[in-house]
């Protein structure tokens, strides 16, 4: 018999041979708060050794979107003092991400709708990631003064060419076909076939991949980003923000409207966050294990949430919505390598992030 363990902002339920995590904040596009990530982690821990749970399904219960990310408005309004609330949220969120990444049982994320920030963080560790015609995936953190976290350094830096730098700096939005082509999704299904897929997988989890293969859309729309790969590789070739902007400006001067638009887009982001992001993409491939990536990202995040650009970005984009953040500094040229390197210094041992200890 099905048993609902928690009917709150996330529903954790055993159904058939599956453990289900169903995000349940439709008015907030299922954005994650601390209790949600703790409830999801607790359910996964409970199901680790449960022989009746063979597979994990992650989706949203109702409404639009899969997951719009972490509830940064709430986080930003609790940053004063010792930033205890913000630290606690990211500490617990990264624990959930790591638990998923190392989980022995396969997971399936149904990225049907908006999948941003923390939503990418709970989807990408899954063995199967299902996109639809409603998928819109993005990592827009530089818009609010932070960086693509939740393991994004690892996921993005493994993409072909200079896609990581492009996606991380611009916050570009990918549709379902683009996610599939870039391998951020493993399957593409029309949204009206998702329930059939879930029902079949719940009853026969050992056939999960076969079911998804069978139901995958025969005709997948063109992935538009593939037509821009040459431009992305050329303009985003450098690991220095100034060089990228110079390259885009040169392209714009030569009549490339795409380059002009992306230059304008990047200049609207936090210069400090952009520079930290570029260094992250250099450092992430050298993190041997996912636990090392999470420890590094937590140290960076702890420092960036204390930087004034975070509160200012959230104010301008999400609270007052005037879309005119006053970054400090505004000119990336005054930000030296030492300024950026400081964000990557290890935290004191007692403050460092650590995974669950089983």
Protein backbone atom coordinates (compact mmCIF):
# COMPACT_ATOMS: atom_id res chain seq x y z
CA UNK A 1 0.00 0.00 0.00
CA UNK A 2 1.22 3.47 -0.83
CA UNK A 3 2.14 5.54 2.20
CA UNK A 4 2.63 9.30 2.14
CA UNK A 5 5.37 10.23 4.58
CA UNK A 6 5.16 13.98 4.33
CA UNK A 7 2.53 16.15 2.62
CA UNK A 8 4.34 19.47 2.82
CA UNK A 9 6.51 21.40 0.38
CA UNK A 10 7.86 18.09 -0.85
CA UNK A 11 5.96 14.83 -0.86
CA UNK A 12 8.03 11.73 -0.09
CA UNK A 13 6.19 8.54 -0.88
CA UNK A 14 6.83 4.90 -1.63
CA UNK A 15 4.81 3.78 -4.62
CA UNK A 16 5.13 0.36 -6.17
CA UNK A 17 8.85 -0.38 -6.30
CA UNK A 18 9.83 3.29 -6.38
CA UNK A 19 10.62 6.01 -3.90
CA UNK A 20 9.12 9.27 -5.10
CA UNK A 21 10.23 12.81 -4.30
CA UNK A 22 7.55 15.21 -5.50
CA UNK A 23 8.22 18.93 -5.21
CA UNK A 24 5.09 20.65 -3.96
CA UNK A 25 5.46 24.46 -3.95
CA UNK A 26 3.59 25.37 -7.16
CA UNK A 27 3.18 29.07 -6.30
CA UNK A 28 6.97 29.36 -5.99
CA UNK A 29 7.71 27.19 -9.05
CA UNK A 30 8.80 24.53 -6.55
CA UNK A 31 11.84 26.51 -5.43
CA UNK A 32 13.75 24.80 -2.65
CA UNK A 33 13.81 25.86 0.97
CA UNK A 34 15.90 24.27 3.69
CA UNK A 35 13.13 22.01 4.99
CA UNK A 36 12.55 20.63 1.49
CA UNK A 37 16.16 19.61 1.00
CA UNK A 38 16.24 18.07 4.47
CA UNK A 39 13.04 16.12 3.82
CA UNK A 40 14.37 14.83 0.50
CA UNK A 41 17.66 13.78 2.06
CA UNK A 42 15.92 12.06 4.98
CA UNK A 43 13.74 10.08 2.58
CA UNK A 44 16.73 8.98 0.51
CA UNK A 45 18.56 7.90 3.66
CA UNK A 46 15.50 5.94 4.80
CA UNK A 47 15.24 4.20 1.41
CA UNK A 48 18.95 3.38 1.05
CA UNK A 49 18.58 -0.12 2.45
CA UNK A 50 14.86 -0.62 1.81
CA UNK A 51 14.50 -3.64 -0.51
CA UNK A 52 11.07 -2.40 -1.59
CA UNK A 53 12.60 0.72 -3.15
CA UNK A 54 14.46 -0.11 -6.36
CA UNK A 55 14.48 3.30 -8.05
CA UNK A 56 14.01 6.99 -7.19
CA UNK A 57 11.68 9.27 -9.18
CA UNK A 58 11.98 13.06 -8.80
CA UNK A 59 9.29 15.33 -10.26
CA UNK A 60 6.82 18.04 -9.26
CA UNK A 61 3.35 17.34 -7.95
CA UNK A 62 1.34 20.00 -9.76
CA UNK A 63 1.54 23.38 -11.42
CA UNK A 64 4.22 24.77 -13.70
CA UNK A 65 7.91 24.12 -13.60
CA UNK A 66 10.10 21.38 -12.24
CA UNK A 67 12.19 23.48 -9.84
CA UNK A 68 13.13 27.15 -10.11
CA UNK A 69 16.13 26.72 -7.80
CA UNK A 70 16.84 27.68 -4.23
CA UNK A 71 14.62 30.22 -2.48
CA UNK A 72 17.28 32.92 -2.63
CA UNK A 73 14.94 35.71 -1.56
CA UNK A 74 14.51 34.06 1.81
CA UNK A 75 18.22 33.26 1.97
CA UNK A 76 19.33 36.79 1.10
CA UNK A 77 17.10 38.30 3.76
CA UNK A 78 18.83 36.18 6.39
CA UNK A 79 22.42 37.05 5.50
CA UNK A 80 23.03 39.62 8.25
CA UNK A 81 25.17 38.74 11.23
CA UNK A 82 26.96 35.45 10.78
CA UNK A 83 24.94 34.40 7.71
CA UNK A 84 23.76 31.40 9.70
CA UNK A 85 20.59 30.82 7.68
CA UNK A 86 22.34 31.03 4.33
CA UNK A 87 25.18 28.80 5.41
CA UNK A 88 22.74 26.24 6.78
CA UNK A 89 20.73 26.15 3.56
CA UNK A 90 23.72 25.63 1.27
CA UNK A 91 25.30 23.14 3.68
CA UNK A 92 22.14 21.00 3.62
CA UNK A 93 21.51 21.50 -0.12
CA UNK A 94 25.02 20.33 -1.01
CA UNK A 95 24.58 17.31 1.27
CA UNK A 96 21.48 16.37 -0.71
CA UNK A 97 23.33 16.86 -4.01
CA UNK A 98 26.21 14.66 -2.84
CA UNK A 99 23.84 12.01 -1.46
CA UNK A 100 22.12 11.81 -4.84
CA UNK A 101 25.41 11.71 -6.73
CA UNK A 102 26.69 8.78 -4.67
CA UNK A 103 23.33 6.99 -4.24
CA UNK A 104 23.45 3.29 -5.10
CA UNK A 105 19.93 3.16 -6.55
CA UNK A 106 19.21 4.76 -9.93
CA UNK A 107 17.34 8.04 -10.04
CA UNK A 108 15.15 9.60 -12.70
CA UNK A 109 14.48 13.35 -12.84
CA UNK A 110 11.54 14.55 -14.90
CA UNK A 111 12.65 18.05 -15.89
CA UNK A 112 9.24 19.07 -17.20
CA UNK A 113 9.26 22.86 -17.10
CA UNK A 114 11.57 25.42 -15.49
CA UNK A 115 14.74 23.73 -14.23
CA UNK A 116 17.09 26.33 -12.81
CA UNK A 117 19.89 26.51 -10.26
CA UNK A 118 19.04 24.13 -7.44
CA UNK A 119 16.68 22.31 -9.80
CA UNK A 120 19.67 21.46 -11.97
CA UNK A 121 21.42 20.37 -8.77
CA UNK A 122 18.83 17.73 -7.94
CA UNK A 123 18.36 16.59 -11.56
CA UNK A 124 21.92 16.19 -12.83
CA UNK A 125 23.03 13.51 -10.31
CA UNK A 126 20.27 11.22 -11.61
CA UNK A 127 21.13 8.38 -13.97
CA UNK A 128 18.22 9.36 -16.22
CA UNK A 129 17.17 12.95 -16.89
CA UNK A 130 14.02 13.42 -18.94
CA UNK A 131 13.41 16.62 -20.88
CA UNK A 132 10.17 17.63 -22.61
CA UNK A 133 8.92 20.36 -24.92
CA UNK A 134 8.30 22.40 -21.74
CA UNK A 135 11.84 22.12 -20.35
CA UNK A 136 13.74 25.35 -19.77
CA UNK A 137 17.08 24.73 -18.10
CA UNK A 138 19.44 27.47 -16.98
CA UNK A 139 22.08 28.40 -14.43
CA UNK A 140 21.46 32.17 -14.03
CA UNK A 141 23.34 32.71 -10.77
CA UNK A 142 25.68 35.44 -12.04
CA UNK A 143 22.56 37.58 -12.48
CA UNK A 144 22.19 37.74 -8.70
CA UNK A 145 25.84 37.96 -7.73
CA UNK A 146 26.68 34.30 -7.06
CA UNK A 147 27.94 31.45 -9.25
CA UNK A 148 26.60 28.22 -10.81
CA UNK A 149 26.87 25.89 -7.83
CA UNK A 150 25.19 22.60 -6.72
CA UNK A 151 27.86 20.72 -8.66
CA UNK A 152 27.47 22.78 -11.82
CA UNK A 153 31.21 23.33 -11.97
CA UNK A 154 31.56 19.60 -12.49
CA UNK A 155 28.65 19.18 -14.90
CA UNK A 156 29.32 22.24 -17.04
CA UNK A 157 33.09 21.86 -17.28
CA UNK A 158 32.57 18.46 -18.88
CA UNK A 159 30.58 19.88 -21.81
CA UNK A 160 32.19 20.18 -25.25
CA UNK A 161 34.21 23.20 -26.28
CA UNK A 162 33.51 26.42 -24.42
CA UNK A 163 29.85 25.76 -23.67
CA UNK A 164 30.53 25.85 -19.93
CA UNK A 165 31.86 29.39 -20.05
CA UNK A 166 29.00 30.54 -22.26
CA UNK A 167 26.22 28.95 -20.20
CA UNK A 168 27.68 29.97 -16.85
CA UNK A 169 28.36 33.60 -17.72
CA UNK A 170 25.21 34.33 -19.69
CA UNK A 171 22.66 32.16 -17.87
CA UNK A 172 21.42 31.10 -21.33
CA UNK A 173 18.18 29.13 -21.31
CA UNK A 174 18.20 25.71 -22.95
CA UNK A 175 15.07 23.99 -24.23
CA UNK A 176 14.49 20.25 -24.03
CA UNK A 177 16.01 19.44 -27.41
CA UNK A 178 19.13 21.42 -26.54
CA UNK A 179 19.44 19.64 -23.19
CA UNK A 180 19.27 16.30 -24.96
CA UNK A 181 21.82 17.24 -27.60
CA UNK A 182 24.25 18.53 -24.96
CA UNK A 183 23.64 15.36 -22.88
CA UNK A 184 22.32 17.32 -19.93
CA UNK A 185 19.22 15.20 -20.54
CA UNK A 186 19.32 11.49 -21.39
CA UNK A 187 15.83 11.31 -22.93
CA UNK A 188 13.26 13.57 -24.57
CA UNK A 189 9.60 12.72 -24.08
CA UNK A 190 6.48 14.67 -24.96
CA UNK A 191 4.90 15.83 -21.70
CA UNK A 192 1.69 13.91 -22.37
CA UNK A 193 3.63 10.63 -22.14
CA UNK A 194 5.25 11.28 -18.76
CA UNK A 195 2.53 9.70 -16.64
CA UNK A 196 2.66 6.53 -18.71
CA UNK A 197 6.42 6.44 -18.29
CA UNK A 198 6.19 6.90 -14.52
CA UNK A 199 3.52 4.22 -14.10
CA UNK A 200 5.50 1.67 -16.09
CA UNK A 201 8.76 2.45 -14.29
CA UNK A 202 7.13 2.29 -10.86
CA UNK A 203 5.87 -1.22 -11.61
CA UNK A 204 9.01 -2.43 -13.42
CA UNK A 205 11.99 -0.30 -12.34
CA UNK A 206 14.48 -2.75 -13.83
CA UNK A 207 13.10 -1.73 -17.26
CA UNK A 208 13.47 2.01 -16.64
CA UNK A 209 15.85 2.69 -19.50
CA UNK A 210 13.88 0.46 -21.87
CA UNK A 211 10.65 2.27 -21.00
CA UNK A 212 12.21 5.69 -21.56
CA UNK A 213 13.77 4.52 -24.82
CA UNK A 214 10.43 3.15 -26.03
CA UNK A 215 8.50 6.31 -25.20
CA UNK A 216 11.10 8.80 -26.40
CA UNK A 217 9.90 11.22 -29.01
CA UNK A 218 10.66 9.91 -32.48
CA UNK A 219 11.00 13.44 -33.85
CA UNK A 220 13.02 15.73 -31.64
CA UNK A 221 13.09 19.45 -32.52
CA UNK A 222 16.29 21.00 -33.77
CA UNK A 223 18.71 22.02 -31.04
CA UNK A 224 19.26 25.67 -31.89
CA UNK A 225 22.41 26.06 -29.83
CA UNK A 226 24.28 23.69 -32.13
CA UNK A 227 24.29 26.40 -34.78
CA UNK A 228 26.19 28.72 -32.43
CA UNK A 229 28.92 26.34 -31.27
CA UNK A 230 31.60 27.85 -33.51
CA UNK A 231 30.81 31.34 -32.23
CA UNK A 232 30.75 30.17 -28.63
CA UNK A 233 34.14 28.47 -28.97
CA UNK A 234 35.63 31.56 -30.62
CA UNK A 235 34.23 34.32 -28.44
CA UNK A 236 34.47 32.44 -25.12
CA UNK A 237 37.93 30.97 -25.75
CA UNK A 238 39.62 32.82 -22.88
CA UNK A 239 39.34 32.22 -19.14
CA UNK A 240 39.57 35.99 -18.58
CA UNK A 241 36.34 37.97 -18.49
CA UNK A 242 37.94 41.01 -20.12
CA UNK A 243 39.16 38.91 -23.06
CA UNK A 244 35.72 37.42 -23.60
CA UNK A 245 34.08 40.84 -23.58
CA UNK A 246 36.72 42.18 -25.96
CA UNK A 247 36.13 39.28 -28.34
CA UNK A 248 32.37 39.83 -28.25
CA UNK A 249 32.82 43.57 -28.79
CA UNK A 250 35.03 42.89 -31.80
CA UNK A 251 32.40 40.56 -33.21
CA UNK A 252 29.72 43.16 -32.60
CA UNK A 253 31.78 45.81 -34.38
CA UNK A 254 31.99 43.45 -37.33
CA UNK A 255 28.20 43.26 -37.45
CA UNK A 256 27.54 40.12 -35.40
CA UNK A 257 24.30 40.92 -33.58
CA UNK A 258 24.53 37.70 -31.55
CA UNK A 259 27.89 38.82 -30.13
CA UNK A 260 26.50 42.27 -29.37
CA UNK A 261 23.56 40.80 -27.49
CA UNK A 262 25.73 38.44 -25.42
CA UNK A 263 28.18 41.22 -24.55
CA UNK A 264 25.29 43.33 -23.28
CA UNK A 265 23.93 40.31 -21.40
CA UNK A 266 27.20 39.60 -19.59
CA UNK A 267 27.74 43.26 -18.69
CA UNK A 268 24.44 43.13 -16.79
CA UNK A 269 25.85 40.42 -14.49
CA UNK A 270 27.98 40.83 -11.38
CA UNK A 271 31.61 41.25 -12.55
CA UNK A 272 32.89 39.61 -9.38
CA UNK A 273 30.54 36.65 -9.76
CA UNK A 274 31.54 36.25 -13.42
CA UNK A 275 35.24 36.21 -12.58
CA UNK A 276 34.73 33.72 -9.76
CA UNK A 277 32.67 31.56 -12.13
CA UNK A 278 35.41 31.46 -14.77
CA UNK A 279 37.96 30.37 -12.17
CA UNK A 280 35.54 27.71 -10.90
CA UNK A 281 35.38 26.21 -14.39
CA UNK A 282 39.18 26.04 -14.45
CA UNK A 283 39.41 24.44 -11.00
CA UNK A 284 36.47 22.01 -11.10
CA UNK A 285 38.00 19.46 -13.52
CA UNK A 286 40.85 19.00 -11.05
CA UNK A 287 38.54 18.05 -8.17
CA UNK A 288 39.02 14.30 -8.02
CA UNK A 289 35.69 13.41 -6.41
CA UNK A 290 32.30 15.06 -6.16
CA UNK A 291 32.86 15.54 -2.43
CA UNK A 292 35.86 17.72 -3.30
CA UNK A 293 33.73 19.77 -5.70
CA UNK A 294 31.09 20.32 -3.03
CA UNK A 295 33.65 21.31 -0.40
CA UNK A 296 35.19 23.84 -2.80
CA UNK A 297 31.82 25.26 -3.87
CA UNK A 298 30.66 25.67 -0.28
CA UNK A 299 33.76 27.70 0.57
CA UNK A 300 33.19 29.94 -2.44
CA UNK A 301 29.49 30.36 -1.64
CA UNK A 302 30.10 31.24 2.00
CA UNK A 303 32.29 34.11 0.86
CA UNK A 304 30.07 35.27 -2.01
CA UNK A 305 26.91 35.50 0.10
CA UNK A 306 28.87 37.91 2.30
CA UNK A 307 29.86 40.00 -0.73
CA UNK A 308 27.46 42.95 -1.32
CA UNK A 309 26.60 41.83 -4.86
CA UNK A 310 24.47 38.93 -3.61
CA UNK A 311 21.99 40.99 -1.60
CA UNK A 312 22.01 43.68 -4.30
CA UNK A 313 21.35 41.17 -7.07
CA UNK A 314 18.44 39.58 -5.24
CA UNK A 315 17.04 43.02 -4.43
CA UNK A 316 17.22 44.26 -8.03
CA UNK A 317 16.07 41.08 -9.77
CA UNK A 318 13.71 39.38 -7.32
CA UNK A 319 12.48 41.83 -4.67
CA UNK A 320 12.24 45.38 -6.06
CA UNK A 321 12.51 44.02 -9.62
CA UNK A 322 13.95 47.25 -10.99
CA UNK A 323 16.53 45.16 -12.91
CA UNK A 324 19.24 47.74 -12.21
CA UNK A 325 21.66 46.22 -9.70
CA UNK A 326 24.49 48.45 -8.51
CA UNK A 327 27.43 46.05 -8.55
CA UNK A 328 30.54 46.65 -6.46
CA UNK A 329 32.80 47.00 -8.35
CA UNK A 330 31.17 47.70 -11.71
CA UNK A 331 34.37 47.48 -13.75
CA UNK A 332 35.83 43.96 -14.06
CA UNK A 333 39.28 45.39 -14.83
CA UNK A 334 39.74 46.52 -11.24
CA UNK A 335 39.22 42.96 -9.96
CA UNK A 336 42.64 41.32 -9.75
CA UNK A 337 43.55 37.65 -9.64
CA UNK A 338 44.21 37.87 -5.91
CA UNK A 339 40.69 39.20 -5.33
CA UNK A 340 39.26 36.17 -7.11
CA UNK A 341 41.67 33.67 -5.58
CA UNK A 342 40.55 34.73 -2.10
CA UNK A 343 37.16 33.12 -2.69
CA UNK A 344 38.87 29.77 -3.26
CA UNK A 345 40.88 29.66 -0.07
CA UNK A 346 39.86 26.69 2.10
CA UNK A 347 37.62 27.49 5.03
CA UNK A 348 38.88 26.77 8.55
CA UNK A 349 38.46 23.02 9.22
CA UNK A 350 35.57 23.52 11.64
CA UNK A 351 33.62 25.55 9.04
CA UNK A 352 34.14 23.30 6.03
CA UNK A 353 31.32 21.46 4.32
CA UNK A 354 31.12 17.72 4.89
CA UNK A 355 28.83 15.00 3.52
CA UNK A 356 26.61 12.67 5.48
CA UNK A 357 28.64 10.22 7.55
CA UNK A 358 27.25 6.73 7.13
